[in-house]
């Protein structure tokens, strides 16, 4: 065997010894060398990575153990909350994430103990990560449980667990004042608390311990900045019943309000009077919110999808006798000339910020010619004209035109109203309004028409929201 190998490596013929290697043999040789070299480099790199990873895991395990020791030494288990910290060691920045949840007698983990049942203990999970972790490397984890230093459950009393979360879903709302008072219901055996719960912590939690059985009103509020719940209430209340040896949960969604600058009669550039008691409906993914007044700015619950505003208290057809459709431009059918109605574009604002675009409130505008002695004008919804979808609930608005410069404008005033059919009466005082306005004295400045119905004997004007395509 060795003789054959020697014959190949060292040919007997001197001419063959000087022949050298062919180009193919050289390429093959380089490929073999490259494969061996790359394999060796990969093996070395993998070895270095594993060594570095093992060292990082050792450091991570120590950091996780330190975090567990820290939470175990906490004086008050209620103050142990979610947290995230960073530590730089040997040129590597480690992130320590701590998550906590209550475990109740139901056996379920929950934020603020809202899963029901009496509170037993707090579960703490610690995870340590660092940059450059291998995809297959899990975080270093450590877990522990914390029991309250003093008994929080009493067989003769109950517990109220309050949870306040952000409307936008970004977590708990901290710093919210919580007030618990006995409800005003017949036969209620609830008593005033010796002390009110603390403001909500970083997770939006607060607790009322050792509460006498009965029914309680749980109220949340903040006075440092405008806040709203999903129903636009600045102060939100829920009623809970507390049983001996049990716990009751009161969950709220509550956040800093967004500010919305309002633009009434959007699209109309002339001067116009607004009714001081104008009803405005705000439509969004939240329940419809109806407000009264012509505030220049509205504080509303933050929403990424935004709000659309309607002049007038919109009520769907399902509301029956209280329905009001004409105020919403989208409820009007397509006109004979192809004109269609549409709401103003939506405006949005994040928590505690001001909307970059005004919230438009489309309205119709009518010019009314008045006698010099007239001080007040009253507009009232009329029998629908043409294809006006109507407002069965009925609307009435009063305008104080005493300060309007009627003489300079030829004794006319421009009044902004929700869309629909309207009749007008005038008077010299707020208590003496009853003189009908002739239809010839009513001129729509937006789409619409003046109307006199000989059969019904009423003067009216139609304010139409539809626009030609």
Protein backbone atom coordinates (compact mmCIF):
# COMPACT_ATOMS: atom_id res chain seq x y z
CA UNK A 1 0.00 0.00 0.00
CA UNK A 2 2.75 2.44 0.98
CA UNK A 3 4.71 1.55 -2.09
CA UNK A 4 1.75 2.37 -4.32
CA UNK A 5 1.21 5.69 -2.53
CA UNK A 6 4.90 6.52 -2.88
CA UNK A 7 4.75 5.69 -6.56
CA UNK A 8 1.95 8.17 -7.01
CA UNK A 9 3.56 10.90 -4.93
CA UNK A 10 7.09 10.28 -6.23
CA UNK A 11 6.99 8.85 -9.81
CA UNK A 12 9.97 6.72 -10.93
CA UNK A 13 10.37 8.62 -14.17
CA UNK A 14 12.31 11.93 -13.59
CA UNK A 15 10.24 13.60 -16.33
CA UNK A 16 7.04 12.84 -14.45
CA UNK A 17 8.56 14.32 -11.29
CA UNK A 18 8.95 17.71 -13.01
CA UNK A 19 5.47 17.73 -14.54
CA UNK A 20 3.86 19.61 -11.51
CA UNK A 21 0.12 19.88 -10.85
CA UNK A 22 -2.59 20.60 -13.38
CA UNK A 23 -4.93 23.64 -13.01
CA UNK A 24 -7.78 21.33 -12.06
CA UNK A 25 -5.73 19.80 -9.27
CA UNK A 26 -4.85 23.30 -8.03
CA UNK A 27 -8.51 24.38 -7.94
CA UNK A 28 -9.51 21.24 -6.10
CA UNK A 29 -6.70 21.75 -3.62
CA UNK A 30 -7.74 25.35 -2.92
CA UNK A 31 -11.39 24.31 -2.48
CA UNK A 32 -10.40 21.64 0.05
CA UNK A 33 -8.26 24.19 1.88
CA UNK A 34 -11.09 26.74 1.87
CA UNK A 35 -13.60 24.25 3.26
CA UNK A 36 -11.26 23.22 6.03
CA UNK A 37 -10.47 26.88 6.87
CA UNK A 38 -14.09 28.04 6.87
CA UNK A 39 -15.12 25.08 8.98
CA UNK A 40 -12.43 25.89 11.48
CA UNK A 41 -13.43 29.56 11.61
CA UNK A 42 -17.09 28.66 12.15
CA UNK A 43 -16.12 26.27 14.92
CA UNK A 44 -14.00 28.95 16.60
CA UNK A 45 -16.75 31.60 16.24
CA UNK A 46 -19.38 29.22 17.64
CA UNK A 47 -17.12 28.36 20.52
CA UNK A 48 -16.55 32.06 21.28
CA UNK A 49 -20.29 32.82 21.02
CA UNK A 50 -21.20 29.96 23.34
CA UNK A 51 -18.55 31.06 25.81
CA UNK A 52 -19.80 34.66 25.71
CA UNK A 53 -23.40 33.49 26.00
CA UNK A 54 -22.62 31.29 28.99
CA UNK A 55 -20.86 34.19 30.70
CA UNK A 56 -23.82 36.48 29.98
CA UNK A 57 -26.22 33.87 31.35
CA UNK A 58 -24.18 33.66 34.54
CA UNK A 59 -24.39 37.44 34.93
CA UNK A 60 -28.10 37.36 34.08
CA UNK A 61 -28.73 34.67 36.67
CA UNK A 62 -27.02 36.80 39.31
CA UNK A 63 -29.05 39.87 38.33
CA UNK A 64 -32.29 37.86 38.43
CA UNK A 65 -31.37 36.53 41.88
CA UNK A 66 -30.62 40.07 43.09
CA UNK A 67 -34.01 41.26 41.79
CA UNK A 68 -35.80 38.41 43.57
CA UNK A 69 -33.95 39.21 46.81
CA UNK A 70 -34.93 42.89 46.44
CA UNK A 71 -38.66 42.20 46.04
CA UNK A 72 -38.61 39.70 48.90
CA UNK A 73 -37.25 42.39 51.18
CA UNK A 74 -39.98 44.90 50.21
CA UNK A 75 -41.79 46.26 53.25
CA UNK A 76 -45.17 46.48 51.46
CA UNK A 77 -46.22 43.87 48.93
CA UNK A 78 -48.69 46.36 47.44
CA UNK A 79 -45.76 48.55 46.37
CA UNK A 80 -44.09 45.78 44.34
CA UNK A 81 -45.08 46.67 40.77
CA UNK A 82 -44.06 46.03 37.19
CA UNK A 83 -40.64 47.53 36.51
CA UNK A 84 -37.83 47.51 33.95
CA UNK A 85 -34.23 48.45 34.75
CA UNK A 86 -30.89 48.28 32.93
CA UNK A 87 -27.43 47.43 34.28
CA UNK A 88 -24.13 47.78 32.38
CA UNK A 89 -21.48 45.15 33.24
CA UNK A 90 -18.28 44.36 31.34
CA UNK A 91 -19.42 46.36 28.34
CA UNK A 92 -22.82 44.64 28.10
CA UNK A 93 -26.11 46.30 29.04
CA UNK A 94 -28.54 43.91 30.72
CA UNK A 95 -32.28 44.59 30.91
CA UNK A 96 -34.15 43.29 33.94
CA UNK A 97 -37.93 43.13 33.40
CA UNK A 98 -40.16 42.47 36.40
CA UNK A 99 -43.85 41.61 36.00
CA UNK A 100 -46.20 41.01 38.91
CA UNK A 101 -49.78 39.81 39.30
CA UNK A 102 -52.06 38.90 42.13
CA UNK A 103 -53.20 35.32 42.65
CA UNK A 104 -56.57 34.96 44.31
CA UNK A 105 -58.58 32.06 45.67
CA UNK A 106 -59.85 31.49 42.12
CA UNK A 107 -56.33 30.31 41.22
CA UNK A 108 -56.01 32.89 38.42
CA UNK A 109 -53.36 35.55 37.93
CA UNK A 110 -54.72 39.05 37.32
CA UNK A 111 -53.74 42.69 37.39
CA UNK A 112 -54.97 44.34 40.58
CA UNK A 113 -56.51 41.01 41.59
CA UNK A 114 -59.46 41.66 39.31
CA UNK A 115 -60.03 37.93 38.61
CA UNK A 116 -62.24 37.73 41.70
CA UNK A 117 -61.89 35.88 44.97
CA UNK A 118 -59.85 36.86 48.02
CA UNK A 119 -56.24 37.92 47.51
CA UNK A 120 -53.71 35.23 48.45
CA UNK A 121 -50.27 36.28 47.26
CA UNK A 122 -48.40 38.14 44.56
CA UNK A 123 -46.53 36.28 41.84
CA UNK A 124 -43.31 37.92 40.62
CA UNK A 125 -41.64 36.98 37.32
CA UNK A 126 -38.17 38.29 36.45
CA UNK A 127 -36.63 38.07 32.96
CA UNK A 128 -33.10 39.21 32.05
CA UNK A 129 -32.05 39.89 28.46
CA UNK A 130 -29.02 41.46 26.77
CA UNK A 131 -27.99 42.57 23.26
CA UNK A 132 -26.66 39.98 20.84
CA UNK A 133 -28.51 37.03 22.37
CA UNK A 134 -28.65 34.00 20.12
CA UNK A 135 -32.09 33.35 18.64
CA UNK A 136 -32.23 30.01 20.41
CA UNK A 137 -31.19 31.47 23.78
CA UNK A 138 -34.13 32.09 26.12
CA UNK A 139 -34.01 34.95 28.66
CA UNK A 140 -32.75 34.16 32.12
CA UNK A 141 -35.81 33.82 34.33
CA UNK A 142 -36.52 33.72 38.03
CA UNK A 143 -39.87 33.50 39.81
CA UNK A 144 -41.05 33.99 43.35
CA UNK A 145 -44.23 34.66 45.30
CA UNK A 146 -44.84 37.29 47.97
CA UNK A 147 -47.34 37.00 50.78
CA UNK A 148 -48.57 40.14 52.55
CA UNK A 149 -46.80 40.84 55.83
CA UNK A 150 -50.17 41.32 57.49
CA UNK A 151 -53.41 39.52 56.85
CA UNK A 152 -55.44 41.42 54.25
CA UNK A 153 -58.45 39.12 54.27
CA UNK A 154 -60.86 38.88 57.16
CA UNK A 155 -63.78 36.42 57.25
CA UNK A 156 -66.05 39.22 58.53
CA UNK A 157 -64.98 41.82 55.95
CA UNK A 158 -64.36 42.13 52.23
CA UNK A 159 -61.98 43.83 49.81
CA UNK A 160 -62.59 46.26 46.94
CA UNK A 161 -60.10 45.92 44.10
CA UNK A 162 -59.91 48.98 41.85
CA UNK A 163 -58.34 48.79 38.39
CA UNK A 164 -57.93 51.88 36.18
CA UNK A 165 -56.58 51.25 32.70
CA UNK A 166 -55.76 53.61 29.86
CA UNK A 167 -58.45 54.03 27.22
CA UNK A 168 -55.79 53.65 24.54
CA UNK A 169 -54.67 50.30 25.97
CA UNK A 170 -51.19 51.51 26.93
CA UNK A 171 -51.43 50.15 30.50
CA UNK A 172 -52.67 51.35 33.86
CA UNK A 173 -53.47 54.97 34.67
CA UNK A 174 -51.47 56.09 37.70
CA UNK A 175 -52.23 58.88 40.18
CA UNK A 176 -56.03 58.57 40.03
CA UNK A 177 -57.92 59.48 43.19
CA UNK A 178 -60.22 56.70 44.41
CA UNK A 179 -63.14 57.39 46.75
CA UNK A 180 -65.31 54.66 48.29
CA UNK A 181 -68.60 55.58 49.98
CA UNK A 182 -71.72 53.62 51.00
CA UNK A 183 -74.38 53.68 48.29
CA UNK A 184 -77.70 55.38 48.98
CA UNK A 185 -79.86 52.26 48.63
CA UNK A 186 -82.53 50.96 50.94
CA UNK A 187 -81.36 48.44 53.52
CA UNK A 188 -77.68 49.03 52.79
CA UNK A 189 -75.48 47.97 55.74
CA UNK A 190 -72.29 49.48 54.34
CA UNK A 191 -70.34 51.86 56.57
CA UNK A 192 -67.86 54.63 55.88
CA UNK A 193 -64.27 53.51 55.50
CA UNK A 194 -61.80 54.46 58.22
CA UNK A 195 -59.49 55.76 55.46
CA UNK A 196 -59.86 56.10 51.71
CA UNK A 197 -57.73 53.97 49.34
CA UNK A 198 -54.44 55.35 48.04
CA UNK A 199 -54.24 56.83 44.55
CA UNK A 200 -53.69 54.25 41.83
CA UNK A 201 -50.15 52.93 41.47
CA UNK A 202 -48.08 52.60 38.29
CA UNK A 203 -50.24 49.65 37.22
CA UNK A 204 -53.45 51.58 37.80
CA UNK A 205 -54.36 49.60 40.93
CA UNK A 206 -55.77 50.64 44.28
CA UNK A 207 -57.23 48.61 47.14
CA UNK A 208 -59.78 49.13 49.90
CA UNK A 209 -59.12 46.53 52.59
CA UNK A 210 -61.31 45.23 55.40
CA UNK A 211 -64.52 46.76 54.07
CA UNK A 212 -67.77 46.02 55.88
CA UNK A 213 -70.27 44.03 53.78
CA UNK A 214 -72.68 46.17 51.79
CA UNK A 215 -73.04 48.20 48.61
CA UNK A 216 -70.53 50.93 47.80
CA UNK A 217 -70.04 53.68 45.23
CA UNK A 218 -66.48 53.60 43.89
CA UNK A 219 -65.56 56.92 42.26
CA UNK A 220 -62.39 57.91 40.40
CA UNK A 221 -61.25 61.41 39.45
CA UNK A 222 -58.26 63.61 38.71
CA UNK A 223 -58.08 67.37 39.08
CA UNK A 224 -54.57 68.14 37.82
CA UNK A 225 -55.50 67.66 34.15
CA UNK A 226 -58.74 66.91 32.24
CA UNK A 227 -59.46 63.18 32.22
CA UNK A 228 -62.36 61.29 30.65
CA UNK A 229 -63.75 57.77 30.67
CA UNK A 230 -65.20 56.04 27.61
CA UNK A 231 -68.52 57.85 28.21
CA UNK A 232 -66.78 61.27 28.37
CA UNK A 233 -67.39 61.60 32.12
CA UNK A 234 -64.65 63.52 34.00
CA UNK A 235 -65.68 61.73 37.22
CA UNK A 236 -66.61 58.05 36.88
CA UNK A 237 -68.54 55.97 39.41
CA UNK A 238 -69.35 52.27 39.66
CA UNK A 239 -71.43 50.43 42.24
CA UNK A 240 -70.06 47.23 43.78
CA UNK A 241 -71.38 44.81 46.34
CA UNK A 242 -69.00 43.53 49.02
CA UNK A 243 -69.59 40.23 50.80
CA UNK A 244 -67.92 38.99 53.96
CA UNK A 245 -64.70 37.12 53.18
CA UNK A 246 -64.82 38.04 49.49
CA UNK A 247 -63.62 40.73 47.14
CA UNK A 248 -65.36 42.98 44.63
CA UNK A 249 -63.74 44.44 41.51
CA UNK A 250 -64.33 47.91 40.10
CA UNK A 251 -62.71 48.27 36.69
CA UNK A 252 -62.47 51.62 34.87
CA UNK A 253 -61.07 52.91 31.61
CA UNK A 254 -59.82 56.44 32.17
CA UNK A 255 -57.24 58.63 30.48
CA UNK A 256 -56.09 62.18 29.87
CA UNK A 257 -58.51 63.92 27.53
CA UNK A 258 -57.59 65.10 24.06
CA UNK A 259 -58.33 68.71 23.15
CA UNK A 260 -60.43 69.36 20.06
CA UNK A 261 -60.80 72.89 18.62
CA UNK A 262 -64.33 73.25 17.26
CA UNK A 263 -65.35 74.77 13.92
CA UNK A 264 -69.11 75.44 13.66
CA UNK A 265 -70.93 75.86 10.34
CA UNK A 266 -67.75 74.60 8.69
CA UNK A 267 -67.48 75.72 5.07
CA UNK A 268 -69.51 78.90 5.62
CA UNK A 269 -67.21 81.92 5.64
CA UNK A 270 -69.63 84.72 6.53
CA UNK A 271 -70.72 85.98 9.93
CA UNK A 272 -73.44 83.87 11.54
CA UNK A 273 -75.13 83.55 14.90
CA UNK A 274 -75.09 80.24 16.75
CA UNK A 275 -77.75 79.17 19.25
CA UNK A 276 -76.19 79.30 22.71
CA UNK A 277 -77.87 76.00 23.61
CA UNK A 278 -76.81 74.18 20.44
CA UNK A 279 -76.84 70.39 20.79
CA UNK A 280 -73.82 68.60 19.31
CA UNK A 281 -73.48 64.83 18.85
CA UNK A 282 -69.97 63.35 18.88
CA UNK A 283 -69.64 60.03 17.07
CA UNK A 284 -66.66 57.69 17.45
CA UNK A 285 -65.86 54.12 18.44
CA UNK A 286 -67.08 55.07 21.92
CA UNK A 287 -70.78 55.44 22.78
CA UNK A 288 -72.38 58.53 21.21
CA UNK A 289 -71.80 61.63 23.31
CA UNK A 290 -74.29 64.51 23.23
CA UNK A 291 -73.23 67.89 24.58
CA UNK A 292 -74.83 71.33 24.72
CA UNK A 293 -73.07 74.61 23.99
CA UNK A 294 -70.74 76.20 21.48
CA UNK A 295 -67.44 75.77 23.32
CA UNK A 296 -64.41 76.77 21.26
CA UNK A 297 -62.57 73.66 22.50
CA UNK A 298 -63.88 70.31 23.70
CA UNK A 299 -62.09 67.85 26.00
CA UNK A 300 -62.88 64.34 24.77
CA UNK A 301 -61.61 60.83 25.44
CA UNK A 302 -58.56 60.15 23.27
CA UNK A 303 -59.07 57.91 20.25
CA UNK A 304 -56.88 57.10 17.27
CA UNK A 305 -59.90 56.70 14.96
CA UNK A 306 -61.14 60.22 15.75
CA UNK A 307 -64.51 61.94 16.17
CA UNK A 308 -67.12 63.28 13.79
CA UNK A 309 -69.46 66.00 15.02
CA UNK A 310 -73.12 66.57 14.11
CA UNK A 311 -75.04 69.75 14.91
CA UNK A 312 -78.13 68.55 16.75
CA UNK A 313 -78.88 65.49 18.91
CA UNK A 314 -78.70 62.71 16.32
CA UNK A 315 -80.92 59.71 17.16
CA UNK A 316 -81.32 56.69 14.82
CA UNK A 317 -84.59 55.50 13.39
CA UNK A 318 -84.68 52.77 16.06
CA UNK A 319 -85.33 55.53 18.63
CA UNK A 320 -88.92 55.70 17.37
CA UNK A 321 -90.74 58.84 18.46
CA UNK A 322 -87.44 60.34 19.67
CA UNK A 323 -85.52 59.72 16.45
CA UNK A 324 -83.77 62.68 14.81
CA UNK A 325 -82.27 61.91 11.39
CA UNK A 326 -82.23 65.19 9.50
CA UNK A 327 -79.36 66.61 11.57
CA UNK A 328 -77.00 63.91 10.21
CA UNK A 329 -76.04 64.63 6.57
CA UNK A 330 -75.44 60.92 5.93
CA UNK A 331 -79.11 60.02 6.51
CA UNK A 332 -80.34 62.15 3.60
CA UNK A 333 -81.11 60.26 0.38
CA UNK A 334 -79.36 61.13 -2.86
CA UNK A 335 -81.03 64.17 -4.44
CA UNK A 336 -82.45 64.23 -7.97
CA UNK A 337 -79.36 66.10 -9.19
CA UNK A 338 -77.05 63.50 -7.65
CA UNK A 339 -76.16 65.58 -4.58
CA UNK A 340 -75.31 63.58 -1.46
CA UNK A 341 -74.78 64.45 2.18
CA UNK A 342 -71.62 63.73 4.16
CA UNK A 343 -70.17 64.37 7.56
CA UNK A 344 -67.07 66.46 8.13
CA UNK A 345 -63.74 64.56 8.26
CA UNK A 346 -62.83 62.98 11.57
CA UNK A 347 -60.36 64.64 13.94
CA UNK A 348 -58.21 62.69 16.42
CA UNK A 349 -56.01 63.52 19.41
CA UNK A 350 -53.70 61.43 21.59
CA UNK A 351 -54.02 61.58 25.41
CA UNK A 352 -53.18 65.06 26.71
CA UNK A 353 -52.58 66.53 23.23
CA UNK A 354 -54.42 68.99 21.01
CA UNK A 355 -55.87 67.86 17.69
CA UNK A 356 -53.91 69.29 14.77
CA UNK A 357 -57.14 69.78 12.78
CA UNK A 358 -60.38 71.42 13.97
CA UNK A 359 -63.41 69.22 14.54
CA UNK A 360 -65.86 70.47 11.93
CA UNK A 361 -69.58 70.80 12.67
CA UNK A 362 -71.51 71.17 9.37
CA UNK A 363 -74.59 73.40 9.68
CA UNK A 364 -77.11 75.13 7.47
CA UNK A 365 -77.31 78.94 7.41
CA UNK A 366 -80.46 80.96 6.78
CA UNK A 367 -80.82 84.74 6.41
CA UNK A 368 -83.86 86.14 8.24
CA UNK A 369 -85.22 89.64 7.58
CA UNK A 370 -86.47 91.20 10.81
CA UNK A 371 -88.33 94.21 12.05
CA UNK A 372 -86.22 96.71 13.96
CA UNK A 373 -88.00 95.99 17.23
CA UNK A 374 -87.24 92.25 17.18
CA UNK A 375 -84.88 91.13 19.94
CA UNK A 376 -85.27 87.35 19.79
CA UNK A 377 -85.79 84.71 17.10
CA UNK A 378 -86.98 81.20 17.84
CA UNK A 379 -86.41 78.33 15.40
CA UNK A 380 -88.42 75.13 15.70
CA UNK A 381 -88.31 71.96 13.61
CA UNK A 382 -91.20 71.78 11.17
CA UNK A 383 -93.02 69.13 9.20
CA UNK A 384 -90.33 67.72 6.88
CA UNK A 385 -90.11 69.42 3.49
CA UNK A 386 -89.33 67.39 0.36
CA UNK A 387 -87.15 64.38 1.25
CA UNK A 388 -85.94 65.69 4.62
CA UNK A 389 -85.69 62.51 6.78
CA UNK A 390 -87.12 64.50 9.72
CA UNK A 391 -86.52 64.94 13.41
CA UNK A 392 -89.42 63.31 15.25
CA UNK A 393 -88.03 64.26 18.66
CA UNK A 394 -88.31 67.94 17.75
CA UNK A 395 -85.81 70.75 18.32
CA UNK A 396 -86.16 74.36 19.44
CA UNK A 397 -83.42 76.98 19.54
CA UNK A 398 -83.58 80.63 20.57
CA UNK A 399 -81.32 83.41 19.21
CA UNK A 400 -80.69 86.68 21.01
CA UNK A 401 -80.35 89.16 18.13
CA UNK A 402 -80.37 92.32 20.22
CA UNK A 403 -76.64 92.82 19.78
CA UNK A 404 -76.72 92.10 16.03
CA UNK A 405 -76.23 95.18 13.87
CA UNK A 406 -79.43 94.69 11.88
CA UNK A 407 -79.54 98.23 10.50
CA UNK A 408 -76.09 97.94 8.95
CA UNK A 409 -77.16 94.72 7.23
CA UNK A 410 -80.60 95.84 6.14
CA UNK A 411 -82.30 94.41 9.23
CA UNK A 412 -81.21 90.84 8.47
CA UNK A 413 -79.37 88.26 10.57
CA UNK A 414 -77.69 85.03 9.45
CA UNK A 415 -78.57 82.11 11.71
CA UNK A 416 -76.72 78.76 11.76
CA UNK A 417 -78.86 75.70 12.53
CA UNK A 418 -78.75 71.92 12.21
CA UNK A 419 -79.93 70.64 8.84
CA UNK A 420 -83.65 70.02 8.38
CA UNK A 421 -86.94 71.92 8.06
CA UNK A 422 -87.50 74.94 10.32
CA UNK A 423 -90.15 77.50 11.18
CA UNK A 424 -89.35 80.85 12.79
CA UNK A 425 -91.08 83.19 15.20
CA UNK A 426 -89.91 86.50 16.61
CA UNK A 427 -90.53 88.72 19.61
CA UNK A 428 -89.31 91.72 21.52
CA UNK A 429 -88.33 89.68 24.60
CA UNK A 430 -87.51 86.08 25.48
CA UNK A 431 -90.96 85.69 27.04
CA UNK A 432 -92.86 87.18 24.09
CA UNK A 433 -91.88 85.21 21.01
CA UNK A 434 -94.78 84.24 18.79
CA UNK A 435 -94.94 86.33 15.62
CA UNK A 436 -94.42 84.02 12.61
CA UNK A 437 -91.81 84.94 10.03
CA UNK A 438 -93.07 84.94 6.43
CA UNK A 439 -91.36 82.48 4.10
CA UNK A 440 -90.46 85.41 1.85
CA UNK A 441 -88.25 86.70 4.69
CA UNK A 442 -86.31 83.41 4.86
CA UNK A 443 -83.36 82.98 2.48
CA UNK A 444 -81.11 79.90 2.76
CA UNK A 445 -77.44 80.82 2.34
CA UNK A 446 -76.53 77.17 2.07
CA UNK A 447 -78.40 74.67 -0.10
CA UNK A 448 -82.14 74.67 0.60
CA UNK A 449 -85.31 76.62 -0.14
CA UNK A 450 -88.04 78.72 1.46
CA UNK A 451 -91.46 77.12 1.62
CA UNK A 452 -95.09 77.95 2.25
CA UNK A 453 -97.61 75.15 2.56
CA UNK A 454 -101.09 76.46 1.84
CA UNK A 455 -102.73 73.29 3.19
CA UNK A 456 -100.85 73.29 6.47
CA UNK A 457 -100.49 77.06 6.57
CA UNK A 458 -96.90 77.31 7.78
CA UNK A 459 -93.86 79.28 6.64
CA UNK A 460 -90.65 77.27 6.69
CA UNK A 461 -87.20 76.91 5.25
CA UNK A 462 -85.37 73.73 4.25
CA UNK A 463 -81.63 73.59 5.10
CA UNK A 464 -80.16 70.82 2.96
CA UNK A 465 -76.72 69.27 3.64
CA UNK A 466 -76.33 67.61 0.25
CA UNK A 467 -73.69 68.68 -2.23
CA UNK A 468 -73.65 68.07 -5.96
CA UNK A 469 -70.96 65.62 -7.13
